[in-house]
Protein backbone atom coordinates (compact mmCIF):
# COMPACT_ATOMS: atom_id res chain seq x y z
CA MET A 1 84.74 204.85 270.46
CA ARG A 2 86.98 207.59 270.44
CA GLY A 3 88.39 209.23 268.13
CA VAL A 4 92.30 209.95 267.24
CA SER A 5 94.29 212.10 265.50
CA VAL A 6 96.53 210.65 262.93
CA GLU A 7 98.12 212.01 259.23
CA ILE A 8 98.37 209.98 256.48
CA MET A 9 99.58 211.24 253.33
CA GLY A 10 99.74 214.58 254.60
CA GLN A 11 96.35 214.82 255.40
CA SER A 12 95.12 214.78 259.13
CA LEU A 13 92.44 212.37 259.76
CA VAL A 14 90.36 211.39 263.40
CA VAL A 15 90.13 207.83 263.19
CA ALA A 16 87.66 205.77 265.65
CA SER A 17 89.23 203.71 267.76
CA ASP A 18 87.17 200.80 269.46
CA ASP A 19 89.75 199.32 272.04
CA GLY A 20 90.91 202.89 272.84
CA ASP A 21 94.48 202.28 272.46
CA GLU A 22 95.71 205.56 270.85
CA ASP A 23 98.74 204.44 270.63
CA ARG A 24 98.28 201.50 268.45
CA THR A 25 95.78 203.53 266.56
CA ARG A 26 98.90 205.91 265.86
CA ALA A 27 101.17 203.23 264.79
CA LEU A 28 98.90 201.38 262.77
CA ALA A 29 98.53 205.28 260.82
CA VAL A 30 102.14 205.24 260.72
CA LYS A 31 102.53 201.85 259.10
CA VAL A 32 99.48 202.51 256.53
CA ASP A 33 101.82 206.08 255.58
CA ASP A 34 105.03 204.58 255.31
CA LYS A 35 103.75 201.76 252.90
CA ILE A 36 102.10 204.37 250.90
CA LYS A 37 105.45 206.50 250.62
CA THR A 38 106.93 203.27 249.58
CA ILE A 39 104.43 202.20 246.74
CA ARG A 40 104.74 206.03 245.67
CA THR A 41 108.69 205.89 245.58
CA SER A 42 109.13 202.60 244.42
CA SER A 43 106.05 202.50 241.60
CA ARG A 44 106.30 206.27 240.77
CA THR A 45 102.65 206.46 241.42
CA PRO A 46 101.96 209.71 241.44
CA ASN A 47 98.01 209.27 241.95
CA SER A 48 97.23 209.30 245.67
CA VAL A 49 94.21 207.25 244.97
CA ASN A 50 96.18 204.81 243.33
CA ALA A 51 99.04 204.53 245.81
CA ALA A 52 96.40 203.93 248.80
CA ILE A 53 94.72 201.30 246.62
CA LEU A 54 98.11 199.37 246.40
CA ALA A 55 98.73 199.74 249.94
CA ALA A 56 95.39 198.13 250.76
CA LEU A 57 95.94 195.50 248.20
CA ASN A 58 99.37 194.77 249.87
CA PHE A 59 97.76 194.57 253.72
CA ALA A 60 95.28 192.75 252.18
CA ASP A 61 97.68 190.14 250.98
CA GLU A 62 99.97 190.04 253.75
CA LEU A 63 96.46 189.26 256.12
CA GLU A 64 95.93 186.63 253.71
CA CYS A 65 99.13 184.67 254.33
CA LEU A 66 98.71 185.18 257.89
CA ARG A 67 95.20 184.04 257.89
CA ARG A 68 96.44 180.62 255.78
CA ASP A 69 99.38 180.53 258.27
CA HIS A 70 97.14 180.45 260.98
CA GLU A 71 94.74 177.91 260.02
CA ALA A 72 97.65 175.18 258.97
CA LEU A 73 98.91 175.95 262.71
CA LEU A 74 95.51 175.01 264.23
CA SER A 75 95.20 172.05 261.56
CA HIS A 76 98.58 170.92 262.79
CA LEU A 77 97.76 171.44 266.30
CA LYS A 78 94.94 169.64 265.94
CA VAL A 79 96.86 166.42 264.50
CA LEU A 80 99.28 166.72 267.49
CA ASN A 81 96.36 167.13 269.92
CA GLN A 82 94.82 164.03 268.40
CA ARG A 83 98.06 162.08 268.60
CA LEU A 84 98.59 163.07 272.10
CA SER A 85 95.28 161.79 273.08
CA GLU A 86 95.59 158.45 271.43
CA ALA A 87 99.02 158.05 273.03
CA VAL A 88 97.63 158.54 276.55
CA ASP A 89 94.76 156.41 275.93
CA GLU A 90 96.76 153.66 274.73
CA PRO A 91 96.85 150.77 277.27
CA ARG A 92 100.37 149.95 279.05
């Protein structure tokens, strides 16, 4: 695991990177920082901790929506695969 230096909310942090992709880790830190800035601007939340919590909730919601979409796609692919198998197995 490597440490990657990033800045979020004006704070310098060293973040552990499992995959060693420092550019990806920095890009994620920029997304987090941007999300917090957007929340602080739009909600007038002066408290940094509250802004960080709201950003985390936003990301968690996005992740949950993507997880549901992924499960729906897998289910749809399973149905399509079953139909295809049945069509191939049908006698001609």
